[in-house]
Amino acid sequence: MYYLDVSLILPDSPCFDFTEVYLKKNILQSVKQLFGEEGIKSTIDILKYNSKERRCILRCADESYVRLRAALTVAGTYEGQACTYIIHRASANLLSFSADSRNYQH
C-alpha cells in the first residue's frame, strides 16, 4: 500500500466547502479521465480528512500508485472550477507521516 498526503487548492473559490465524498468522487473522476475504466479498478481510500485545510491522507494499492499520482498532478477541475492538487508527501509506510524531519527541532 502507498499513502499520499494531499491538499486541494481552489484559487477561484477559497471559501468553497466540500465533503469527503465529493473529494473522493473528484479523485476517481480524475483517474478515470486520464486512464479510463482500467484506472479506477483498484481501491482508493481517504483515511483522514481535514475540511478546514482541504487536506487528506489517501491510501492506494502499490500497482495503482503511479496512476493516482499522475491523475492528481494533471487534474484541473473540481465541480467545474479550476483546481490544483498538491502532494505534500508520499510513502509506502504510514508511520513515516507521524514524524517530519523538515520541522524537527534539535
C-alpha atoms as a PDB file:
ATOM      1  CA  MET A   1       0.000   0.000   0.000  1.00  0.00           C
ATOM      2  CA  TYR A   2       1.015   3.588  -0.640  1.00  0.00           C
ATOM      3  CA  TYR A   3      -0.068   6.651   1.313  1.00  0.00           C
ATOM      4  CA  LEU A   4      -0.244  10.208  -0.002  1.00  0.00           C
ATOM      5  CA  ASP A   5      -0.664  13.449   1.925  1.00  0.00           C
ATOM      6  CA  VAL A   6      -2.655  15.619  -0.492  1.00  0.00           C
ATOM      7  CA  SER A   7      -4.300  19.035  -0.377  1.00  0.00           C
ATOM      8  CA  LEU A   8      -6.731  20.634  -2.814  1.00  0.00           C
ATOM      9  CA  ILE A   9      -6.351  24.273  -3.851  1.00  0.00           C
ATOM     10  CA  LEU A  10      -9.292  26.141  -5.382  1.00  0.00           C
ATOM     11  CA  PRO A  11      -7.854  29.532  -6.413  1.00  0.00           C
ATOM     12  CA  ASP A  12     -11.185  30.962  -7.618  1.00  0.00           C
ATOM     13  CA  SER A  13     -13.179  29.894  -4.538  1.00  0.00           C
ATOM     14  CA  PRO A  14     -11.085  29.889  -1.356  1.00  0.00           C
ATOM     15  CA  CYS A  15     -14.205  29.626   0.865  1.00  0.00           C
ATOM     16  CA  PHE A  16     -15.853  26.785  -1.083  1.00  0.00           C
ATOM     17  CA  ASP A  17     -16.804  23.913   1.256  1.00  0.00           C
ATOM     18  CA  PHE A  18     -16.856  20.307   0.132  1.00  0.00           C
ATOM     19  CA  THR A  19     -17.210  16.932   1.778  1.00  0.00           C
ATOM     20  CA  GLU A  20     -15.047  13.852   1.828  1.00  0.00           C
ATOM     21  CA  VAL A  21     -17.494  12.125  -0.543  1.00  0.00           C
ATOM     22  CA  TYR A  22     -17.201  14.834  -3.203  1.00  0.00           C
ATOM     23  CA  LEU A  23     -13.421  14.861  -2.854  1.00  0.00           C
ATOM     24  CA  LYS A  24     -13.200  11.102  -3.434  1.00  0.00           C
ATOM     25  CA  LYS A  25     -15.603  11.389  -6.366  1.00  0.00           C
ATOM     26  CA  ASN A  26     -13.391  14.032  -7.948  1.00  0.00           C
ATOM     27  CA  ILE A  27     -10.226  11.993  -7.394  1.00  0.00           C
ATOM     28  CA  LEU A  28     -11.790   8.915  -9.002  1.00  0.00           C
ATOM     29  CA  GLN A  29     -13.097  11.060 -11.847  1.00  0.00           C
ATOM     30  CA  SER A  30      -9.585  12.420 -12.451  1.00  0.00           C
ATOM     31  CA  VAL A  31      -8.121   8.905 -12.566  1.00  0.00           C
ATOM     32  CA  LYS A  32     -10.891   7.734 -14.902  1.00  0.00           C
ATOM     33  CA  GLN A  33     -10.427  10.725 -17.202  1.00  0.00           C
ATOM     34  CA  LEU A  34      -6.708  10.006 -17.588  1.00  0.00           C
ATOM     35  CA  PHE A  35      -6.671   6.179 -17.580  1.00  0.00           C
ATOM     36  CA  GLY A  36     -10.248   5.105 -18.359  1.00  0.00           C
ATOM     37  CA  GLU A  37     -12.138   2.299 -16.636  1.00  0.00           C
ATOM     38  CA  GLU A  38      -8.916   0.350 -16.114  1.00  0.00           C
ATOM     39  CA  GLY A  39      -7.565   3.157 -13.949  1.00  0.00           C
ATOM     40  CA  ILE A  40     -10.331   3.057 -11.361  1.00  0.00           C
ATOM     41  CA  LYS A  41     -10.394  -0.704 -10.803  1.00  0.00           C
ATOM     42  CA  SER A  42      -8.208  -0.541  -7.717  1.00  0.00           C
ATOM     43  CA  THR A  43      -9.386   0.888  -4.420  1.00  0.00           C
ATOM     44  CA  ILE A  44      -8.516   4.409  -3.298  1.00  0.00           C
ATOM     45  CA  ASP A  45      -9.399   5.270   0.300  1.00  0.00           C
ATOM     46  CA  ILE A  46      -9.436   8.529   2.231  1.00  0.00           C
ATOM     47  CA  LEU A  47      -8.039   7.671   5.661  1.00  0.00           C
ATOM     48  CA  LYS A  48      -8.053  11.138   7.193  1.00  0.00           C
ATOM     49  CA  TYR A  49      -9.699  14.331   6.017  1.00  0.00           C
ATOM     50  CA  ASN A  50      -9.340  17.913   7.259  1.00  0.00           C
ATOM     51  CA  SER A  51     -12.010  20.156   5.728  1.00  0.00           C
ATOM     52  CA  LYS A  52     -10.507  23.420   7.003  1.00  0.00           C
ATOM     53  CA  GLU A  53      -7.151  22.824   5.334  1.00  0.00           C
ATOM     54  CA  ARG A  54      -8.672  20.809   2.460  1.00  0.00           C
ATOM     55  CA  ARG A  55      -6.086  18.160   3.151  1.00  0.00           C
ATOM     56  CA  CYS A  56      -6.367  14.377   3.249  1.00  0.00           C
ATOM     57  CA  ILE A  57      -4.388  11.165   3.544  1.00  0.00           C
ATOM     58  CA  LEU A  58      -5.065   8.799   0.635  1.00  0.00           C
ATOM     59  CA  ARG A  59      -4.328   5.069   0.544  1.00  0.00           C
ATOM     60  CA  CYS A  60      -3.943   3.090  -2.663  1.00  0.00           C
ATOM     61  CA  ALA A  61      -2.522  -0.235  -3.803  1.00  0.00           C
ATOM     62  CA  ASP A  62       1.094  -0.434  -4.958  1.00  0.00           C
ATOM     63  CA  GLU A  63       0.115  -1.071  -8.572  1.00  0.00           C
ATOM     64  CA  SER A  64      -2.161   1.993  -8.747  1.00  0.00           C
ATOM     65  CA  TYR A  65       0.186   4.474  -7.033  1.00  0.00           C
ATOM     66  CA  VAL A  66       1.726   5.836 -10.236  1.00  0.00           C
ATOM     67  CA  ARG A  67      -1.698   6.222 -11.868  1.00  0.00           C
ATOM     68  CA  LEU A  68      -3.142   8.036  -8.856  1.00  0.00           C
ATOM     69  CA  ARG A  69      -0.189  10.388  -8.576  1.00  0.00           C
ATOM     70  CA  ALA A  70      -0.276  11.175 -12.301  1.00  0.00           C
ATOM     71  CA  ALA A  71      -4.026  11.823 -12.229  1.00  0.00           C
ATOM     72  CA  LEU A  72      -3.710  14.189  -9.260  1.00  0.00           C
ATOM     73  CA  THR A  73      -0.857  16.027 -10.962  1.00  0.00           C
ATOM     74  CA  VAL A  74      -2.799  16.741 -14.160  1.00  0.00           C
ATOM     75  CA  ALA A  75      -6.252  17.217 -12.583  1.00  0.00           C
ATOM     76  CA  GLY A  76      -7.558  20.664 -13.472  1.00  0.00           C
ATOM     77  CA  THR A  77     -11.164  20.956 -12.314  1.00  0.00           C
ATOM     78  CA  TYR A  78     -13.259  20.313  -9.221  1.00  0.00           C
ATOM     79  CA  GLU A  79     -17.017  20.553  -9.821  1.00  0.00           C
ATOM     80  CA  GLY A  80     -16.399  22.825 -12.812  1.00  0.00           C
ATOM     81  CA  GLN A  81     -13.940  25.115 -11.012  1.00  0.00           C
ATOM     82  CA  ALA A  82     -10.202  25.329 -11.580  1.00  0.00           C
ATOM     83  CA  CYS A  83      -8.240  23.328  -9.012  1.00  0.00           C
ATOM     84  CA  THR A  84      -4.775  22.080  -8.170  1.00  0.00           C
ATOM     85  CA  TYR A  85      -3.831  19.055  -6.092  1.00  0.00           C
ATOM     86  CA  ILE A  86      -0.615  19.375  -4.106  1.00  0.00           C
ATOM     87  CA  ILE A  87       1.070  16.165  -2.987  1.00  0.00           C
ATOM     88  CA  HIS A  88       2.975  17.034   0.174  1.00  0.00           C
ATOM     89  CA  ARG A  89       4.315  13.579   0.964  1.00  0.00           C
ATOM     90  CA  ALA A  90       4.060  10.042  -0.339  1.00  0.00           C
ATOM     91  CA  SER A  91       5.281   6.882   1.330  1.00  0.00           C
ATOM     92  CA  ALA A  92       4.826   3.139   1.400  1.00  0.00           C
ATOM     93  CA  ASN A  93       4.795   3.353   5.201  1.00  0.00           C
ATOM     94  CA  LEU A  94       2.030   5.223   7.032  1.00  0.00           C
ATOM     95  CA  LEU A  95       4.195   5.550  10.139  1.00  0.00           C
ATOM     96  CA  SER A  96       6.557   7.883   8.278  1.00  0.00           C
ATOM     97  CA  PHE A  97       3.784  10.525   8.244  1.00  0.00           C
ATOM     98  CA  SER A  98       3.871  10.799  12.037  1.00  0.00           C
ATOM     99  CA  ALA A  99       7.299  12.474  12.039  1.00  0.00           C
ATOM    100  CA  ASP A 100       8.513  15.228   9.755  1.00  0.00           C
ATOM    101  CA  SER A 101      12.272  15.687   9.557  1.00  0.00           C
ATOM    102  CA  ARG A 102      11.848  19.114   7.945  1.00  0.00           C
ATOM    103  CA  ASN A 103      10.347  20.558  11.128  1.00  0.00           C
ATOM    104  CA  TYR A 104      12.467  18.672  13.666  1.00  0.00           C
ATOM    105  CA  GLN A 105      13.932  20.891  16.394  1.00  0.00           C
ATOM    106  CA  HIS A 106      17.299  19.811  17.856  1.00  0.00           C
END
